[in-house]
Amino acid sequence: MNVLHIRTMKWLACFVIAFPILSLVGCKSYPPLTGVDPYVGHDYLIGPGDSVDIIVWRNPEVSMAVPVRPDGKITTPLVEDLPASGKTSTQLARDIEEALSKYIQQPVVTVIVTQFVGPYTEQIRVIGEAAVPQALPYREEMTLMDVLIAVGGITEFAAGNKARIIRMVDGQQRQFSVRLDDLIRDGDISANVPMRQGDVLVIPESFF
């Protein structure tokens, strides 16, 4: 065995020993997300993939159920390519009334959302070691436990207590640590924190 080979083996041995230490040193820590954040009411916004019932009073021929297209628009009789995504049902109803006023005298429109997906910016996204990673429509007073139930929990390879939530706070992206293992396996309800529109739950893989 030559000198170069011996030195190479020693370097690899040092790297293997030092790697876990370096990994721990390099791990980022995030402030914990608590449940004290008060809930703020939020009107549901229509998004691509939603279905809406459009009811025009005394005009059944132009009343119908339509899907919101991937481009965020809808098409109904007498109204083509009307933007719907990002609006409340009331706002969309007023827009349809304005468009129909060219053909119907003083139209009265009601919009009812029947299938909920919501705009992409308001969906809850779950990535990493979830049983079924996916995007979820946000629901009023949604919690971390609700999200975990929807995605089928976490995998056996997940580092649950190292999970984090990426959230926009005052226009700035921030990250908060959450304790999935404590919540799921130990039943620690204090780890069940409220979710907000647009949250991203990142569940990393455990390496040991």
Protein backbone atom coordinates (compact mmCIF):
# COMPACT_ATOMS: atom_id res chain seq x y z
CA MET A 1 0.00 0.00 0.00
CA ASN A 2 1.62 3.27 -1.11
CA VAL A 3 1.79 6.49 0.90
CA LEU A 4 -0.79 8.28 -1.24
CA HIS A 5 -3.33 5.52 -0.68
CA ILE A 6 -2.76 5.57 3.08
CA ARG A 7 -3.25 9.35 3.19
CA THR A 8 -6.42 9.06 1.12
CA MET A 9 -7.84 6.45 3.50
CA LYS A 10 -7.03 8.61 6.52
CA TRP A 11 -8.74 11.62 4.92
CA LEU A 12 -11.87 9.59 4.18
CA ALA A 13 -11.94 8.29 7.76
CA CYS A 14 -11.70 11.81 9.13
CA PHE A 15 -14.48 12.96 6.80
CA VAL A 16 -16.81 10.14 7.90
CA ILE A 17 -16.22 11.00 11.57
CA ALA A 18 -16.53 14.74 11.08
CA PHE A 19 -19.55 14.71 8.76
CA PRO A 20 -22.26 14.23 11.46
CA ILE A 21 -20.68 17.00 13.52
CA LEU A 22 -20.51 19.33 10.55
CA SER A 23 -24.10 18.49 9.68
CA LEU A 24 -25.30 19.37 13.15
CA VAL A 25 -23.33 22.60 13.14
CA GLY A 26 -24.73 23.52 9.74
CA CYS A 27 -28.38 22.81 10.65
CA LYS A 28 -30.49 25.91 10.73
CA SER A 29 -32.81 26.51 13.65
CA TYR A 30 -36.08 28.35 13.28
CA PRO A 31 -38.27 30.01 15.90
CA PRO A 32 -41.15 27.76 17.00
CA LEU A 33 -44.60 28.45 15.68
CA THR A 34 -47.04 28.81 18.55
CA GLY A 35 -50.82 28.73 18.75
CA VAL A 36 -51.18 32.26 20.10
CA ASP A 37 -51.50 33.82 16.66
CA PRO A 38 -55.10 35.12 16.60
CA TYR A 39 -57.33 34.03 13.75
CA VAL A 40 -58.24 36.78 11.30
CA GLY A 41 -61.40 36.29 9.27
CA HIS A 42 -60.87 35.93 5.54
CA ASP A 43 -63.38 35.83 2.68
CA TYR A 44 -62.99 32.86 0.35
CA LEU A 45 -61.41 33.74 -2.98
CA ILE A 46 -62.31 31.83 -6.13
CA GLY A 47 -59.50 29.99 -7.89
CA PRO A 48 -58.85 27.83 -10.98
CA GLY A 49 -60.57 24.46 -10.63
CA ASP A 50 -63.47 25.82 -8.60
CA SER A 51 -67.03 25.33 -9.79
CA VAL A 52 -69.58 28.13 -9.48
CA ASP A 53 -73.34 28.25 -9.87
CA ILE A 54 -74.45 31.47 -11.55
CA ILE A 55 -78.09 32.34 -10.91
CA VAL A 56 -79.59 35.24 -12.81
CA TRP A 57 -82.95 36.20 -11.30
CA ARG A 58 -85.86 35.69 -13.72
CA ASN A 59 -83.45 34.65 -16.46
CA PRO A 60 -82.97 30.87 -16.23
CA GLU A 61 -81.69 30.69 -19.79
CA VAL A 62 -78.44 32.39 -18.72
CA SER A 63 -78.25 30.73 -15.30
CA MET A 64 -75.84 27.79 -15.16
CA ALA A 65 -73.00 26.02 -13.36
CA VAL A 66 -69.56 26.60 -14.84
CA PRO A 67 -65.99 25.63 -13.94
CA VAL A 68 -63.24 28.20 -13.46
CA ARG A 69 -60.73 27.48 -16.18
CA PRO A 70 -56.98 27.01 -15.53
CA ASP A 71 -56.46 30.60 -16.71
CA GLY A 72 -58.80 31.81 -13.95
CA LYS A 73 -61.64 32.85 -16.27
CA ILE A 74 -65.21 31.69 -16.83
CA THR A 75 -67.49 31.64 -19.84
CA THR A 76 -71.30 31.83 -19.64
CA PRO A 77 -74.05 32.64 -22.12
CA LEU A 78 -73.61 36.29 -23.20
CA VAL A 79 -70.40 36.61 -21.13
CA GLU A 80 -67.08 35.32 -22.48
CA ASP A 81 -63.67 35.16 -20.78
CA LEU A 82 -64.62 36.92 -17.57
CA PRO A 83 -61.83 36.87 -14.92
CA ALA A 84 -62.97 35.03 -11.78
CA SER A 85 -59.81 33.93 -9.96
CA GLY A 86 -58.92 35.98 -6.89
CA LYS A 87 -62.44 37.37 -6.46
CA THR A 88 -65.08 36.69 -3.84
CA SER A 89 -68.43 35.29 -5.00
CA THR A 90 -70.00 38.72 -4.39
CA GLN A 91 -67.38 40.50 -6.48
CA LEU A 92 -67.83 38.02 -9.32
CA ALA A 93 -71.61 38.46 -9.17
CA ARG A 94 -71.28 42.23 -9.53
CA ASP A 95 -68.91 41.78 -12.51
CA ILE A 96 -71.38 39.43 -14.20
CA GLU A 97 -74.21 41.91 -13.61
CA GLU A 98 -72.16 44.63 -15.29
CA ALA A 99 -71.42 42.39 -18.27
CA LEU A 100 -75.05 41.26 -18.60
CA SER A 101 -76.41 44.79 -18.34
CA LYS A 102 -75.64 45.18 -22.05
CA TYR A 103 -78.31 42.57 -22.80
CA ILE A 104 -80.59 42.39 -19.74
CA GLN A 105 -82.18 45.32 -17.96
CA GLN A 106 -80.97 45.56 -14.36
CA PRO A 107 -79.79 41.93 -13.97
CA VAL A 108 -79.61 40.48 -10.46
CA VAL A 109 -76.93 37.79 -10.13
CA THR A 110 -76.02 35.42 -7.32
CA VAL A 111 -72.85 33.31 -7.43
CA ILE A 112 -72.51 30.18 -5.30
CA VAL A 113 -69.18 28.32 -5.11
CA THR A 114 -69.84 24.55 -5.13
CA GLN A 115 -66.37 23.05 -5.53
CA PHE A 116 -63.49 24.57 -3.61
CA VAL A 117 -59.85 24.71 -4.67
CA GLY A 118 -58.92 28.36 -4.26
CA PRO A 119 -56.12 30.46 -5.80
CA TYR A 120 -52.65 28.93 -5.77
CA THR A 121 -51.40 31.71 -3.51
CA GLU A 122 -53.89 30.68 -0.79
CA GLN A 123 -53.48 26.91 -0.91
CA ILE A 124 -51.62 24.96 1.77
CA ARG A 125 -48.70 23.05 0.22
CA VAL A 126 -47.16 20.00 1.87
CA ILE A 127 -43.82 18.77 0.53
CA GLY A 128 -41.23 16.23 1.64
CA GLU A 129 -41.91 13.15 3.75
CA ALA A 130 -45.70 13.30 3.86
CA ALA A 131 -47.58 10.13 3.01
CA VAL A 132 -49.28 12.00 0.14
CA PRO A 133 -47.56 15.36 -0.55
CA GLN A 134 -50.08 17.71 -2.13
CA ALA A 135 -51.67 21.16 -2.24
CA LEU A 136 -54.80 21.64 -0.11
CA PRO A 137 -57.51 24.29 -0.22
CA TYR A 138 -57.39 26.46 2.89
CA ARG A 139 -60.34 26.21 5.26
CA GLU A 140 -61.33 28.61 8.01
CA GLU A 141 -59.46 27.95 11.28
CA MET A 142 -57.44 25.12 9.68
CA THR A 143 -54.78 23.60 11.95
CA LEU A 144 -51.61 21.57 11.50
CA MET A 145 -53.47 18.43 12.56
CA ASP A 146 -56.09 19.01 9.85
CA VAL A 147 -53.31 19.21 7.27
CA LEU A 148 -51.62 16.02 8.50
CA ILE A 149 -54.93 14.13 8.37
CA ALA A 150 -55.50 15.34 4.80
CA VAL A 151 -52.07 14.13 3.61
CA GLY A 152 -52.27 10.80 5.46
CA GLY A 153 -49.64 11.62 8.09
CA ILE A 154 -45.87 11.36 7.64
CA THR A 155 -43.65 8.53 6.40
CA GLU A 156 -41.44 6.35 8.58
CA PHE A 157 -38.43 8.22 7.19
CA ALA A 158 -39.66 11.66 8.25
CA ALA A 159 -37.84 13.84 10.77
CA GLY A 160 -41.13 15.13 12.14
CA ASN A 161 -39.77 17.39 14.84
CA LYS A 162 -37.48 19.07 12.30
CA ALA A 163 -40.37 20.10 10.06
CA ARG A 164 -40.97 23.75 9.35
CA ILE A 165 -43.62 26.07 7.97
CA ILE A 166 -42.74 28.74 5.43
CA ARG A 167 -45.10 31.71 5.82
CA MET A 168 -45.43 35.24 4.52
CA VAL A 169 -45.49 37.70 7.43
CA ASP A 170 -45.89 41.42 6.67
CA GLY A 171 -44.71 40.82 3.11
CA GLN A 172 -41.61 38.91 4.24
CA GLN A 173 -41.02 35.17 3.95
CA ARG A 174 -40.31 33.61 7.36
CA GLN A 175 -39.77 30.06 8.58
CA PHE A 176 -41.02 28.50 11.81
CA SER A 177 -40.30 25.11 13.35
CA VAL A 178 -43.15 22.71 14.14
CA ARG A 179 -43.19 19.41 16.08
CA LEU A 180 -44.94 16.76 14.03
CA ASP A 181 -43.62 13.79 16.01
CA ASP A 182 -44.79 15.29 19.28
CA LEU A 183 -48.21 15.94 17.79
CA ILE A 184 -48.75 12.61 15.99
CA ARG A 185 -46.89 10.10 18.14
CA ASP A 186 -47.07 11.66 21.60
CA GLY A 187 -50.44 13.36 21.28
CA ASP A 188 -49.03 16.72 22.38
CA ILE A 189 -51.89 19.05 21.46
CA SER A 190 -49.71 22.10 22.17
CA ALA A 191 -47.91 21.22 18.92
CA ASN A 192 -51.15 21.67 16.96
CA VAL A 193 -50.71 25.19 15.59
CA PRO A 194 -53.01 27.22 13.30
CA MET A 195 -52.32 27.30 9.56
CA ARG A 196 -52.64 30.35 7.34
CA GLN A 197 -53.38 30.88 3.66
CA GLY A 198 -50.33 30.18 1.50
CA ASP A 199 -48.39 28.23 4.16
CA VAL A 200 -45.84 25.65 2.96
CA LEU A 201 -45.20 22.71 5.29
CA VAL A 202 -41.75 21.19 4.70
CA ILE A 203 -41.16 17.73 6.18
CA PRO A 204 -37.49 16.70 5.90
CA GLU A 205 -36.09 13.18 5.78
CA SER A 206 -34.31 11.71 8.79
CA PHE A 207 -30.75 10.62 8.02
CA PHE A 208 -30.23 8.57 11.19
